[in-house]
């Protein structure tokens, strides 16, 4: 299955961090995934133009996962990470300065402090872990009405779909 990754970063941080943005893009491209990013699209509108944020939103929505550099921290990047997580996209938040792993507790949130020495490993590990989360096998089963009601109740309590709830049960038993 072909994986689509969306990469975004701080527009205001470009003057300081551009060489790191390029390093991340190169690292992502080495994994063989399909990559889209404002950094690669020469026609991508700048943040002061109305279509900019809609194109970011579309990029997140149309991807399988999102990678972002937050070395230049900002509200917009946090909002974009939240949008991706809300859409059940795995998000890798990278920073040269700190690891945000302990800041957010969500199964779709991943973070790392990176350098030129470890970025390839971080990216390839993230992409490899995503392959585990891509669902390409369908399984049907029959349940009694009572079982279905219990499944529906438990999934609702966990704020998940029934399929997500079952996958989490299986994952937690490993």
Protein backbone atom coordinates (compact mmCIF):
# COMPACT_ATOMS: atom_id res chain seq x y z
CA UNK A 1 0.00 0.00 0.00
CA UNK A 2 1.35 3.42 -1.01
CA UNK A 3 1.64 5.79 1.96
CA UNK A 4 0.98 9.54 1.65
CA UNK A 5 2.84 11.85 4.03
CA UNK A 6 2.21 15.57 4.45
CA UNK A 7 5.09 17.69 5.79
CA UNK A 8 4.64 21.17 7.19
CA UNK A 9 6.74 23.63 9.15
CA UNK A 10 6.82 27.22 10.33
CA UNK A 11 6.73 29.78 7.55
CA UNK A 12 8.27 32.41 9.84
CA UNK A 13 11.04 29.99 10.80
CA UNK A 14 12.23 29.51 7.23
CA UNK A 15 15.10 32.01 7.50
CA UNK A 16 16.62 30.16 10.46
CA UNK A 17 15.53 26.54 9.90
CA UNK A 18 15.31 26.07 6.11
CA UNK A 19 18.33 23.76 5.96
CA UNK A 20 16.67 21.54 8.58
CA UNK A 21 13.35 21.55 6.72
CA UNK A 22 15.26 20.42 3.62
CA UNK A 23 17.00 17.72 5.67
CA UNK A 24 13.65 16.37 6.90
CA UNK A 25 12.20 16.40 3.38
CA UNK A 26 15.21 14.50 2.08
CA UNK A 27 14.88 11.97 4.90
CA UNK A 28 11.17 11.43 4.18
CA UNK A 29 11.86 11.02 0.46
CA UNK A 30 14.42 8.28 1.22
CA UNK A 31 11.61 6.10 2.63
CA UNK A 32 9.83 5.93 -0.74
CA UNK A 33 6.51 7.37 0.42
CA UNK A 34 4.48 9.90 -1.52
CA UNK A 35 5.30 13.31 -0.01
CA UNK A 36 3.35 16.54 -0.29
CA UNK A 37 4.34 19.79 1.37
CA UNK A 38 4.13 23.54 0.98
CA UNK A 39 7.93 23.31 0.85
CA UNK A 40 7.77 21.33 -2.39
CA UNK A 41 4.93 23.20 -4.08
CA UNK A 42 6.29 26.38 -5.68
CA UNK A 43 2.71 27.61 -6.25
CA UNK A 44 1.68 27.16 -2.61
CA UNK A 45 0.13 30.43 -1.41
CA UNK A 46 1.92 32.22 1.45
CA UNK A 47 0.18 32.54 4.86
CA UNK A 48 -1.07 36.05 4.08
CA UNK A 49 -3.21 34.68 1.20
CA UNK A 50 -6.62 33.12 2.05
CA UNK A 51 -6.15 29.74 0.29
CA UNK A 52 -2.99 28.96 2.32
CA UNK A 53 -4.69 27.46 5.36
CA UNK A 54 -7.27 25.58 3.30
CA UNK A 55 -4.47 23.94 1.29
CA UNK A 56 -2.76 22.93 4.57
CA UNK A 57 -6.05 21.48 5.82
CA UNK A 58 -6.54 19.60 2.54
CA UNK A 59 -2.97 18.28 2.69
CA UNK A 60 -3.56 16.93 6.19
CA UNK A 61 -6.92 15.43 5.26
CA UNK A 62 -5.58 13.72 2.12
CA UNK A 63 -2.54 12.21 3.82
CA UNK A 64 -2.07 9.01 5.78
CA UNK A 65 0.16 10.80 8.31
CA UNK A 66 1.71 14.18 9.03
CA UNK A 67 5.27 15.14 9.88
CA UNK A 68 5.99 18.64 11.11
CA UNK A 69 8.98 20.59 12.32
CA UNK A 70 8.08 22.78 15.29
CA UNK A 71 11.58 24.07 16.06
CA UNK A 72 10.05 27.53 15.52
CA UNK A 73 7.03 26.93 17.77
CA UNK A 74 3.77 28.59 16.93
CA UNK A 75 0.03 28.49 17.43
CA UNK A 76 -0.66 27.56 13.81
CA UNK A 77 1.49 24.42 13.92
CA UNK A 78 -0.22 23.32 17.14
CA UNK A 79 -3.59 23.87 15.52
CA UNK A 80 -2.52 21.83 12.47
CA UNK A 81 -1.28 19.00 14.70
CA UNK A 82 -4.62 19.02 16.53
CA UNK A 83 -6.50 18.93 13.22
CA UNK A 84 -4.50 15.93 12.08
CA UNK A 85 -5.02 14.07 15.36
CA UNK A 86 -8.73 14.88 15.28
CA UNK A 87 -8.82 13.30 11.82
CA UNK A 88 -7.05 10.22 13.26
CA UNK A 89 -3.82 10.85 11.37
CA UNK A 90 -0.56 9.89 13.04
CA UNK A 91 1.55 13.01 13.60
CA UNK A 92 5.31 13.12 14.11
CA UNK A 93 6.30 16.41 15.73
CA UNK A 94 10.01 17.15 15.31
CA UNK A 95 12.06 19.82 17.05
CA UNK A 96 15.74 20.65 17.23
CA UNK A 97 15.21 21.96 20.78
CA UNK A 98 12.97 19.57 22.71
CA UNK A 99 11.00 16.36 22.68
CA UNK A 100 7.26 16.92 23.07
CA UNK A 101 6.52 13.26 23.85
CA UNK A 102 5.55 13.96 27.47
CA UNK A 103 3.41 16.99 26.56
CA UNK A 104 0.66 15.18 24.65
CA UNK A 105 -0.81 11.80 25.51
CA UNK A 106 -2.59 10.57 22.39
CA UNK A 107 -2.11 7.40 20.37
CA UNK A 108 -1.80 9.47 17.17
CA UNK A 109 0.86 11.82 18.58
CA UNK A 110 4.57 11.04 18.21
CA UNK A 111 7.46 13.40 18.87
CA UNK A 112 11.24 13.52 18.85
CA UNK A 113 14.13 15.89 19.32
CA UNK A 114 16.25 15.48 16.23
CA UNK A 115 19.64 16.37 14.81
CA UNK A 116 21.43 15.84 11.53
CA UNK A 117 22.78 12.59 12.97
CA UNK A 118 19.51 10.91 13.93
CA UNK A 119 16.83 12.33 11.61
CA UNK A 120 16.98 9.45 9.11
CA UNK A 121 16.44 6.88 11.87
CA UNK A 122 13.58 8.85 13.44
CA UNK A 123 11.78 9.24 10.11
CA UNK A 124 12.29 5.64 8.98
CA UNK A 125 11.16 4.29 12.38
CA UNK A 126 8.03 6.44 12.22
CA UNK A 127 7.20 5.34 8.66
CA UNK A 128 7.79 1.68 9.61
CA UNK A 129 5.48 1.99 12.61
CA UNK A 130 2.78 3.48 10.36
CA UNK A 131 2.79 0.42 8.18
CA UNK A 132 1.49 -1.46 11.25
CA UNK A 133 -1.40 1.00 11.48
CA UNK A 134 -2.46 0.75 7.85
CA UNK A 135 -5.46 -1.49 7.64
CA UNK A 136 -5.54 -3.58 4.50
CA UNK A 137 -7.25 -6.72 5.81
CA UNK A 138 -10.99 -6.95 6.25
CA UNK A 139 -12.55 -9.28 8.80
CA UNK A 140 -16.25 -9.88 9.27
CA UNK A 141 -17.89 -11.67 12.17
CA UNK A 142 -21.32 -12.27 13.59
CA UNK A 143 -22.28 -10.95 17.03
CA UNK A 144 -25.38 -11.39 19.11
CA UNK A 145 -27.50 -8.31 19.75
CA UNK A 146 -26.28 -8.29 23.37
CA UNK A 147 -22.62 -8.40 22.28
CA UNK A 148 -23.22 -5.65 19.75
CA UNK A 149 -24.90 -3.47 22.40
CA UNK A 150 -21.96 -3.96 24.78
CA UNK A 151 -19.49 -3.18 21.99
CA UNK A 152 -21.43 -0.04 21.09
CA UNK A 153 -21.58 1.10 24.75
CA UNK A 154 -17.86 0.52 25.36
CA UNK A 155 -16.82 2.19 22.09
CA UNK A 156 -19.01 5.20 22.89
CA UNK A 157 -17.50 5.48 26.40
CA UNK A 158 -14.02 5.36 24.86
CA UNK A 159 -15.05 7.94 22.23
CA UNK A 160 -14.08 5.53 19.45
CA UNK A 161 -15.75 3.74 16.60
CA UNK A 162 -16.52 0.07 17.17
CA UNK A 163 -13.71 -0.91 14.80
CA UNK A 164 -11.19 1.30 16.65
CA UNK A 165 -12.32 -0.14 19.96
CA UNK A 166 -11.81 -3.74 18.75
CA UNK A 167 -8.38 -2.88 17.27
CA UNK A 168 -7.35 -1.28 20.58
CA UNK A 169 -8.44 -4.39 22.48
CA UNK A 170 -6.32 -6.54 20.19
CA UNK A 171 -3.32 -4.17 20.37
CA UNK A 172 -3.48 -4.00 24.18
CA UNK A 173 -3.41 -7.79 24.51
CA UNK A 174 -0.02 -8.09 22.78
